[in-house]
Amino acid sequence: MTFDFFEGAAGTGKTHNLVSRAAEIVQDGALGEGHKLLALTFMNGARRRLDARLGENPAFHRRFDCQTFDVFARTLAARRRSLITPAMQTQADALSEFDGPCALAAGLLENVAVQKWVAQSFPLILVDEAQDLDEYRMRVLQGLSPSCRIVAAADAFQCLHNGRDTAPLMSWLEGAGQTHRLTVVRRTSQRGLLAAALAVREGRDVKAVLTARTAQNRTTWNGAGFRLQDAVATQANTGLLAWTIANDISQRQGQVAILTPDASNAIIRAALATVQTRQWTRNNGGATFGPYPHTWDRRDNDEADALMADVALPETASCAELRALLAPLTGHAPIVQAISRMDRLRRAHGQASFTSAQVKEFVREAVRNRSRLDFRQQHGHLAMTIQRAKNREFPNVIVLWPHTATGSAEHLRRLLYNGITRAQNHCTVIVLGQNRLNAAPFAP
């Protein structure tokens, strides 16, 4: 079958071209009666964004289905369970709850009959952010390719899995069909922002493409749409970092996304808590700025764990006892859904008690379901990890770079590049601590 692969740097329109090419294929008659386009992504956030993009195009009206690889894999494994061998099951059992089903699906798709069975429903497959595919998901895509038409997009440099070798995957993608190289960045036209991102990608000194400016004994490096600076920040004194963040927000129009490679960093957490509540006064004229409320955009399991962080669950308790214990949290929909689930199990199956692990899993599943259905909509300024921001764009970005960012020099450059390239209008990179700008990822 035909395979189209779009390769390009961040902001070059890979997703746009992916969807446009798929629309052309659909308009040429690729989807017959009962057929749908299947769009596959690695994470739920990317799935929701691709689902919205496809829904805007009349060519796909009611003729597409967006899923993550692991959801597709679980469905395939459940529908063709009779073909799963003991060896395949043993391999899957040794893997995680997400990788295991993908390994089963990959094994099933080695069967030509299974390949054709999938193609009867989904003759056209879209895959966005393909550089994130690990060996199991890559095998799933390879298993689909003989019977389905594939349109995929990827950029090896945007793989944020530390140490993962993307060369085999990229080599296979480039050799599977026609490769389309995208070279023009369309997300922004800000020259300083473009120059800084390219310097990071190529491993050059970022400061060399910017203009140094010194005021009040502090130096910043600036370009159109971009600023690089450091900030003295310690656990005992987070006020300067908080002021620096708030001052930058005050200069921007529109939403600001605050990104960091380490959301657990105590200095960053403390500074952002201050940004949420404090108002500052400028020395020249007495104008004020702040506070700037923002929402943390977290992974589903992190969101669930945060909901339950202050609840001391007994090892085992009755439904009534748990309902009373969780009553103060019933303003949160996942908690209400978890209580309802326990109540249904009590009434329908006579389950008298529940373990702490069961309750936590019920909350996690409720959060995951709300995320999958896009009920966790957030507005205003956002804070999140750089990894969480993948495949997204924001009017303005602040990247907070702590000393706790870990990984190889190459991995750190990829993280910084992905953070910078989320910005459409302006990006400010604030490095915590001094004299850190002459080393990776800011310089060779």
Protein backbone atom coordinates (compact mmCIF):
# COMPACT_ATOMS: atom_id res chain seq x y z
CA MET A 1 0.00 0.00 0.00
CA THR A 2 1.04 3.67 -0.44
CA PHE A 3 3.03 5.32 2.36
CA ASP A 4 3.45 9.13 2.71
CA PHE A 5 5.97 10.41 5.25
CA PHE A 6 6.29 14.10 6.23
CA GLU A 7 9.56 15.05 7.91
CA GLY A 8 10.42 18.52 9.21
CA ALA A 9 11.48 20.63 12.15
CA ALA A 10 9.09 22.04 14.75
CA GLY A 11 6.54 24.47 13.32
CA THR A 12 6.97 23.46 9.68
CA GLY A 13 3.37 22.26 9.41
CA LYS A 14 3.74 18.49 9.69
CA THR A 15 0.27 17.98 11.17
CA HIS A 16 -1.28 20.39 8.66
CA ASN A 17 0.29 18.50 5.75
CA LEU A 18 -0.61 15.17 7.31
CA VAL A 19 -4.30 16.09 7.46
CA SER A 20 -4.29 17.77 4.02
CA ARG A 21 -2.72 14.70 2.39
CA ALA A 22 -5.24 12.43 4.07
CA ALA A 23 -8.09 14.64 2.83
CA GLU A 24 -6.77 14.32 -0.73
CA ILE A 25 -6.67 10.53 -0.39
CA VAL A 26 -10.22 10.44 0.99
CA GLN A 27 -11.50 12.70 -1.80
CA ASP A 28 -9.91 10.31 -4.28
CA GLY A 29 -12.19 7.57 -2.95
CA ALA A 30 -9.97 5.68 -0.50
CA LEU A 31 -12.81 5.18 2.00
CA GLY A 32 -15.60 2.91 0.82
CA GLU A 33 -18.87 2.01 2.50
CA GLY A 34 -18.29 1.24 6.20
CA HIS A 35 -14.67 2.43 6.07
CA LYS A 36 -13.07 4.96 8.41
CA LEU A 37 -9.77 6.75 8.68
CA LEU A 38 -7.86 5.69 11.82
CA ALA A 39 -5.65 8.35 13.42
CA LEU A 40 -3.09 7.02 15.91
CA THR A 41 -1.04 9.03 18.41
CA PHE A 42 1.22 8.25 21.33
CA MET A 43 -0.54 10.35 24.01
CA ASN A 44 -4.13 11.41 24.76
CA GLY A 45 -3.35 15.11 24.44
CA ALA A 46 -2.08 14.66 20.89
CA ARG A 47 -5.09 12.46 20.16
CA ARG A 48 -7.51 15.19 21.25
CA ARG A 49 -5.76 17.83 19.17
CA LEU A 50 -5.69 15.61 16.08
CA ASP A 51 -9.33 14.68 16.63
CA ALA A 52 -10.23 18.39 16.65
CA ARG A 53 -8.18 19.04 13.51
CA LEU A 54 -9.83 16.19 11.61
CA GLY A 55 -13.28 17.25 12.84
CA GLU A 56 -12.83 20.68 11.25
CA ASN A 57 -12.35 19.15 7.79
CA PRO A 58 -15.57 18.21 5.96
CA ALA A 59 -13.72 15.46 4.07
CA PHE A 60 -13.67 13.38 7.27
CA HIS A 61 -17.21 14.07 8.51
CA ARG A 62 -18.16 11.03 10.64
CA ARG A 63 -15.52 9.00 8.82
CA PHE A 64 -12.61 8.93 11.23
CA ASP A 65 -11.62 7.54 14.60
CA CYS A 66 -8.77 8.93 16.77
CA GLN A 67 -7.11 6.56 19.22
CA THR A 68 -3.86 6.21 21.09
CA PHE A 69 -1.69 3.27 20.07
CA ASP A 70 -2.34 1.45 23.33
CA VAL A 71 -6.14 1.81 23.08
CA PHE A 72 -6.06 0.51 19.50
CA ALA A 73 -3.78 -2.32 20.63
CA ARG A 74 -6.05 -3.33 23.54
CA THR A 75 -9.06 -3.39 21.23
CA LEU A 76 -7.24 -5.48 18.64
CA ALA A 77 -5.97 -7.93 21.26
CA ALA A 78 -9.46 -8.30 22.75
CA ARG A 79 -11.13 -8.88 19.37
CA ARG A 80 -8.55 -11.43 18.14
CA ARG A 81 -7.69 -13.04 21.47
CA SER A 82 -8.01 -16.56 20.05
CA LEU A 83 -4.88 -15.94 17.97
CA ILE A 84 -2.68 -14.90 20.91
CA THR A 85 -0.10 -17.60 21.64
CA PRO A 86 1.20 -18.41 25.15
CA ALA A 87 4.60 -16.98 24.16
CA MET A 88 3.02 -13.69 23.07
CA GLN A 89 1.04 -13.49 26.33
CA THR A 90 4.12 -14.22 28.44
CA GLN A 91 6.03 -11.41 26.72
CA ALA A 92 3.13 -8.97 27.19
CA ASP A 93 2.70 -9.86 30.88
CA ALA A 94 6.30 -8.82 31.55
CA LEU A 95 5.65 -5.32 30.15
CA SER A 96 3.71 -2.30 31.42
CA GLU A 97 -0.05 -1.83 31.16
CA PHE A 98 0.53 0.26 28.01
CA ASP A 99 3.41 -1.60 26.34
CA GLY A 100 1.95 -5.07 26.93
CA PRO A 101 -1.11 -4.62 24.68
CA CYS A 102 1.08 -3.01 21.99
CA ALA A 103 3.36 -6.04 22.03
CA LEU A 104 0.31 -8.31 21.63
CA ALA A 105 -1.04 -6.21 18.76
CA ALA A 106 2.35 -6.22 17.05
CA GLY A 107 2.45 -10.00 17.26
CA LEU A 108 -1.10 -10.33 15.93
CA LEU A 109 -0.34 -8.02 13.00
CA GLU A 110 2.34 -10.41 11.79
CA ASN A 111 -0.65 -12.51 10.69
CA VAL A 112 -1.75 -11.52 7.17
CA ALA A 113 -5.37 -12.36 7.99
CA VAL A 114 -5.32 -9.89 10.90
CA GLN A 115 -3.75 -7.20 8.69
CA LYS A 116 -6.56 -7.57 6.16
CA TRP A 117 -9.17 -7.70 8.92
CA VAL A 118 -8.02 -4.29 10.22
CA ALA A 119 -7.92 -2.87 6.67
CA GLN A 120 -11.57 -3.82 6.17
CA SER A 121 -12.46 -1.15 8.75
CA PHE A 122 -9.50 1.23 8.48
CA PRO A 123 -7.92 1.26 5.02
CA LEU A 124 -6.28 4.64 5.77
CA ILE A 125 -4.05 5.24 8.83
CA LEU A 126 -2.67 8.58 10.10
CA VAL A 127 0.22 8.69 12.57
CA ASP A 128 1.37 12.00 14.06
CA GLU A 129 4.55 12.50 16.14
CA ALA A 130 5.83 9.15 14.89
CA GLN A 131 9.33 9.83 16.27
CA ASP A 132 7.99 8.83 19.71
CA LEU A 133 7.18 5.27 18.68
CA ASP A 134 9.10 2.64 20.62
CA GLU A 135 9.86 -0.84 19.31
CA TYR A 136 6.37 -2.21 20.06
CA ARG A 137 4.42 0.66 18.50
CA MET A 138 6.82 0.71 15.55
CA ARG A 139 6.04 -2.97 15.00
CA VAL A 140 2.30 -2.16 15.12
CA LEU A 141 2.78 0.43 12.37
CA GLN A 142 4.91 -1.98 10.35
CA GLY A 143 2.19 -4.59 10.71
CA LEU A 144 -0.46 -2.19 9.42
CA SER A 145 1.56 -0.95 6.43
CA PRO A 146 1.18 -3.96 4.08
CA SER A 147 -2.64 -3.71 3.98
CA CYS A 148 -3.38 -0.08 4.89
CA ARG A 149 -2.47 3.21 3.31
CA ILE A 150 -0.29 5.17 5.77
CA VAL A 151 0.30 8.92 6.18
CA ALA A 152 2.84 9.67 8.94
CA ALA A 153 4.77 12.66 10.27
CA ALA A 154 7.89 12.81 12.44
CA ASP A 155 10.97 14.78 13.45
CA ALA A 156 13.73 12.72 15.07
CA PHE A 157 15.05 15.71 17.04
CA GLN A 158 11.72 16.06 18.85
CA CYS A 159 11.93 12.62 20.43
CA LEU A 160 12.24 13.38 24.15
CA HIS A 161 12.95 9.86 25.40
CA ASN A 162 16.46 10.08 26.81
CA GLY A 163 18.82 7.68 25.11
CA ARG A 164 16.32 6.27 22.62
CA ASP A 165 17.87 5.54 19.22
CA THR A 166 15.44 6.85 16.61
CA ALA A 167 17.66 5.91 13.66
CA PRO A 168 15.99 2.51 12.91
CA LEU A 169 12.51 4.05 13.03
CA MET A 170 13.39 7.07 10.89
CA SER A 171 15.23 4.87 8.39
CA TRP A 172 12.17 2.64 8.06
CA LEU A 173 9.80 5.63 7.71
CA GLU A 174 11.96 7.18 4.99
CA GLY A 175 12.22 3.91 3.12
CA ALA A 176 8.58 2.85 3.39
CA GLY A 177 7.26 5.15 0.65
CA GLN A 178 7.40 8.76 -0.46
CA THR A 179 9.17 11.21 1.87
CA HIS A 180 8.12 14.88 1.89
CA ARG A 181 10.70 17.28 3.40
CA LEU A 182 9.22 20.36 5.10
CA THR A 183 11.74 23.18 5.52
CA VAL A 184 9.81 26.44 6.09
CA VAL A 185 8.81 27.25 9.69
CA ARG A 186 5.25 28.58 9.73
CA ARG A 187 4.50 28.75 13.46
CA THR A 188 6.34 32.04 13.88
CA SER A 189 8.08 34.71 11.83
CA GLN A 190 10.01 36.18 14.78
CA ARG A 191 13.65 36.20 13.66
CA GLY A 192 15.22 36.00 17.10
CA LEU A 193 12.98 33.12 18.10
CA LEU A 194 13.79 31.25 14.88
CA ALA A 195 17.53 31.89 15.24
CA ALA A 196 17.65 30.73 18.86
CA ALA A 197 15.72 27.54 18.11
CA LEU A 198 17.99 26.70 15.18
CA ALA A 199 21.12 27.32 17.27
CA VAL A 200 19.89 24.90 19.92
CA ARG A 201 18.98 22.30 17.31
CA GLU A 202 22.41 22.56 15.69
CA GLY A 203 24.31 22.57 19.00
CA ARG A 204 25.68 26.11 18.62
CA ASP A 205 26.03 28.89 21.19
CA VAL A 206 22.59 30.46 21.55
CA LYS A 207 24.02 33.74 22.84
CA ALA A 208 25.97 34.18 19.58
CA VAL A 209 22.77 34.71 17.57
CA LEU A 210 21.36 37.23 20.06
CA THR A 211 22.23 40.74 21.22
CA ALA A 212 23.56 41.23 24.76
CA ARG A 213 21.99 44.00 26.83
CA THR A 214 23.21 44.97 30.32
CA ALA A 215 21.16 47.01 32.80
CA GLN A 216 21.56 47.27 36.58
CA ASN A 217 24.43 44.74 36.42
CA ARG A 218 22.19 42.11 34.81
CA THR A 219 22.76 40.88 31.24
CA THR A 220 20.08 39.48 28.98
CA TRP A 221 20.47 38.21 25.42
CA ASN A 222 17.71 39.35 23.10
CA GLY A 223 16.33 38.93 19.62
CA ALA A 224 12.97 39.54 17.98
CA GLY A 225 10.54 37.34 19.90
CA PHE A 226 13.18 35.86 22.20
CA ARG A 227 15.00 36.57 25.46
CA LEU A 228 17.60 34.50 27.35
CA GLN A 229 18.55 35.36 30.92
CA ASP A 230 19.64 33.83 34.20
CA ALA A 231 18.16 34.46 37.62
CA VAL A 232 19.61 33.99 41.08
CA ALA A 233 17.31 31.46 42.71
CA THR A 234 17.65 29.44 45.89
CA GLN A 235 15.17 27.65 48.09
CA ALA A 236 15.59 30.41 50.68
CA ASN A 237 15.08 33.20 48.16
CA THR A 238 12.58 32.50 45.39
CA GLY A 239 11.25 36.06 45.31
CA LEU A 240 13.55 37.26 42.52
CA LEU A 241 12.54 34.35 40.29
CA ALA A 242 8.86 35.01 41.01
CA TRP A 243 9.32 38.70 40.12
CA THR A 244 11.18 37.78 36.91
CA ILE A 245 8.37 35.43 35.82
CA ALA A 246 5.59 37.90 36.68
CA ASN A 247 7.42 40.79 35.03
CA ASP A 248 7.75 38.81 31.82
CA ILE A 249 4.05 37.84 31.85
CA SER A 250 3.14 41.51 32.29
CA GLN A 251 4.85 42.35 28.99
CA ARG A 252 2.94 39.78 26.91
CA GLN A 253 -0.38 39.88 25.11
CA GLY A 254 -2.42 36.70 25.29
CA GLN A 255 -1.86 33.36 26.97
CA VAL A 256 1.48 32.46 28.52
CA ALA A 257 2.59 28.85 28.92
CA ILE A 258 5.23 28.27 31.61
CA LEU A 259 7.29 25.22 30.70
CA THR A 260 10.01 23.37 32.60
CA PRO A 261 11.83 20.05 32.24
CA ASP A 262 11.36 19.41 35.99
CA ALA A 263 7.95 20.28 37.42
CA SER A 264 8.91 18.87 40.83
CA ASN A 265 11.72 21.40 41.35
CA ALA A 266 11.02 23.02 44.73
CA ILE A 267 12.37 26.45 43.72
CA ILE A 268 10.13 26.61 40.66
CA ARG A 269 7.11 25.42 42.61
CA ALA A 270 7.63 28.04 45.30
CA ALA A 271 8.18 30.85 42.78
CA LEU A 272 5.07 29.97 40.80
CA ALA A 273 3.00 29.81 44.00
CA THR A 274 4.09 33.41 44.64
CA VAL A 275 3.23 34.43 41.07
CA GLN A 276 -0.29 33.10 41.69
CA THR A 277 -0.97 35.44 44.60
CA ARG A 278 1.40 38.42 44.77
CA GLN A 279 1.13 41.91 43.28
CA TRP A 280 4.25 43.97 42.58
CA THR A 281 4.71 47.75 42.21
CA ARG A 282 7.10 49.27 39.70
CA ASN A 283 9.58 51.86 40.91
CA ASN A 284 8.99 54.23 37.98
CA GLY A 285 5.44 55.50 38.28
CA GLY A 286 3.96 53.10 40.80
CA ALA A 287 2.16 50.88 38.27
CA THR A 288 1.35 47.41 39.53
CA PHE A 289 1.47 43.97 37.91
CA GLY A 290 0.32 40.54 39.07
CA PRO A 291 -0.92 38.32 40.46
CA TYR A 292 -1.10 35.88 37.56
CA PRO A 293 -3.22 32.79 38.28
CA HIS A 294 -2.34 29.73 36.22
CA THR A 295 -3.30 26.08 36.00
CA TRP A 296 -0.92 23.15 36.15
CA ASP A 297 -1.52 20.83 33.20
CA ARG A 298 -0.45 17.43 34.48
CA ARG A 299 -0.38 13.83 33.33
CA ASP A 300 -3.51 11.88 34.15
CA ASN A 301 -1.92 9.78 36.91
CA ASP A 302 -0.26 12.87 38.42
CA GLU A 303 -3.64 14.61 38.43
CA ALA A 304 -5.25 11.65 40.21
CA ASP A 305 -2.43 11.36 42.74
CA ALA A 306 -2.71 15.10 43.50
CA LEU A 307 -6.45 14.70 44.19
CA MET A 308 -5.76 11.93 46.69
CA ALA A 309 -2.56 13.37 48.19
CA ASP A 310 -4.16 14.53 51.47
CA VAL A 311 -6.47 11.54 51.95
CA ALA A 312 -5.31 8.87 54.40
CA LEU A 313 -7.05 5.78 53.03
CA PRO A 314 -7.31 2.73 55.30
CA GLU A 315 -6.03 -0.53 53.87
CA THR A 316 -9.64 -1.78 53.60
CA ALA A 317 -12.93 0.02 54.23
CA SER A 318 -16.63 -0.23 53.46
CA CYS A 319 -18.35 1.84 50.80
CA ALA A 320 -20.06 3.99 53.47
CA GLU A 321 -16.76 4.63 55.28
CA LEU A 322 -15.03 5.61 52.03
CA ARG A 323 -17.93 7.85 51.00
CA ALA A 324 -17.60 9.75 54.29
CA LEU A 325 -13.82 9.95 53.95
CA LEU A 326 -14.03 11.31 50.38
CA ALA A 327 -16.96 13.68 51.05
CA PRO A 328 -14.76 16.81 51.28
CA LEU A 329 -13.48 16.12 47.75
CA THR A 330 -16.83 15.66 46.00
CA GLY A 331 -16.36 18.98 44.25
CA HIS A 332 -14.04 17.06 41.92
CA ALA A 333 -15.81 14.98 39.26
CA PRO A 334 -13.32 12.03 39.33
CA ILE A 335 -13.97 11.58 43.08
CA VAL A 336 -17.73 11.56 42.51
CA GLN A 337 -17.31 9.01 39.71
CA ALA A 338 -15.12 6.79 41.89
CA ILE A 339 -17.73 6.86 44.70
CA SER A 340 -20.49 6.02 42.20
CA ARG A 341 -18.47 3.10 40.87
CA MET A 342 -17.98 1.68 44.37
CA ASP A 343 -21.70 2.07 45.04
CA ARG A 344 -22.58 0.21 41.82
CA LEU A 345 -20.22 -2.64 42.72
CA ARG A 346 -21.82 -2.80 46.17
CA ARG A 347 -25.38 -2.94 44.81
CA ALA A 348 -24.81 -5.07 41.71
CA HIS A 349 -22.17 -7.50 42.97
CA GLY A 350 -22.44 -7.32 46.73
CA GLN A 351 -18.89 -6.08 47.22
CA ALA A 352 -18.80 -5.04 50.85
CA SER A 353 -15.34 -3.48 51.09
CA PHE A 354 -12.64 -1.95 48.94
CA THR A 355 -8.87 -1.76 49.28
CA SER A 356 -6.86 1.44 49.19
CA ALA A 357 -5.29 0.33 45.89
CA GLN A 358 -8.74 -0.20 44.34
CA VAL A 359 -9.98 3.25 45.33
CA LYS A 360 -6.87 4.94 43.93
CA GLU A 361 -7.23 3.04 40.68
CA PHE A 362 -10.91 4.02 40.42
CA VAL A 363 -9.90 7.69 40.72
CA ARG A 364 -7.11 7.24 38.17
CA GLU A 365 -9.48 5.61 35.68
CA ALA A 366 -12.01 8.42 36.16
CA VAL A 367 -9.31 11.03 35.48
CA ARG A 368 -8.09 9.12 32.41
CA ASN A 369 -11.63 8.85 31.03
CA ARG A 370 -12.27 12.57 31.49
CA SER A 371 -8.97 13.31 29.78
CA ARG A 372 -9.82 10.99 26.90
CA LEU A 373 -13.20 12.70 26.46
CA ASP A 374 -11.56 16.17 26.70
CA PHE A 375 -13.50 17.19 29.83
CA ARG A 376 -10.36 18.61 31.48
CA GLN A 377 -10.49 21.89 29.61
CA GLN A 378 -8.24 24.61 30.97
CA HIS A 379 -8.19 28.35 30.39
CA GLY A 380 -5.85 31.25 31.11
CA HIS A 381 -2.13 30.86 31.75
CA LEU A 382 -0.79 27.33 31.97
CA ALA A 383 2.18 25.60 33.60
CA MET A 384 3.41 22.18 32.53
CA THR A 385 6.45 20.09 31.75
CA ILE A 386 8.13 20.50 28.39
CA GLN A 387 7.25 16.87 27.69
CA ARG A 388 3.58 17.67 28.30
CA ALA A 389 3.75 20.58 25.82
CA LYS A 390 4.75 18.40 22.88
CA ASN A 391 2.72 18.93 19.70
CA ARG A 392 1.19 22.13 21.13
CA GLU A 393 1.64 25.83 20.48
CA PHE A 394 1.02 28.93 22.60
CA PRO A 395 1.13 32.68 21.92
CA ASN A 396 3.88 33.15 24.53
CA VAL A 397 6.20 30.79 26.37
CA ILE A 398 8.40 31.08 29.45
CA VAL A 399 10.89 28.24 29.83
CA LEU A 400 12.19 27.77 33.40
CA TRP A 401 15.45 25.83 33.25
CA PRO A 402 16.63 24.47 36.65
CA HIS A 403 19.88 22.74 37.57
CA THR A 404 17.81 19.58 38.13
CA ALA A 405 17.24 19.09 34.39
CA THR A 406 18.88 15.73 33.71
CA GLY A 407 20.00 13.67 30.73
CA SER A 408 22.70 13.71 28.10
CA ALA A 409 23.71 16.95 26.41
CA GLU A 410 21.76 15.81 23.34
CA HIS A 411 18.66 15.09 25.42
CA LEU A 412 18.87 18.51 27.12
CA ARG A 413 19.12 20.24 23.73
CA ARG A 414 16.03 18.39 22.53
CA LEU A 415 14.11 19.41 25.63
CA LEU A 416 15.11 23.06 25.29
CA TYR A 417 14.36 23.07 21.55
CA ASN A 418 10.90 21.60 22.14
CA GLY A 419 10.20 24.24 24.79
CA ILE A 420 11.34 27.18 22.66
CA THR A 421 9.46 26.05 19.54
CA ARG A 422 6.07 25.97 21.27
CA ALA A 423 5.98 29.80 21.05
CA GLN A 424 4.19 31.70 18.30
CA ASN A 425 5.04 35.28 19.36
CA HIS A 426 7.60 35.30 22.15
CA CYS A 427 9.73 32.96 24.25
CA THR A 428 11.74 33.86 27.35
CA VAL A 429 14.18 31.32 28.73
CA ILE A 430 15.06 31.86 32.41
CA VAL A 431 18.00 29.80 33.65
CA LEU A 432 18.02 29.23 37.42
CA GLY A 433 21.45 30.07 38.82
CA GLN A 434 24.38 32.01 37.40
CA ASN A 435 27.20 31.12 35.00
CA ARG A 436 25.28 28.23 33.43
CA LEU A 437 24.89 29.68 29.95
CA ASN A 438 28.26 28.52 28.62
CA ALA A 439 27.41 24.82 28.80
CA ALA A 440 24.87 22.49 27.20
CA PRO A 441 22.17 23.00 26.16
CA PHE A 442 22.92 26.71 25.65
CA ALA A 443 26.39 26.27 24.16
CA PRO A 444 28.45 23.41 22.69
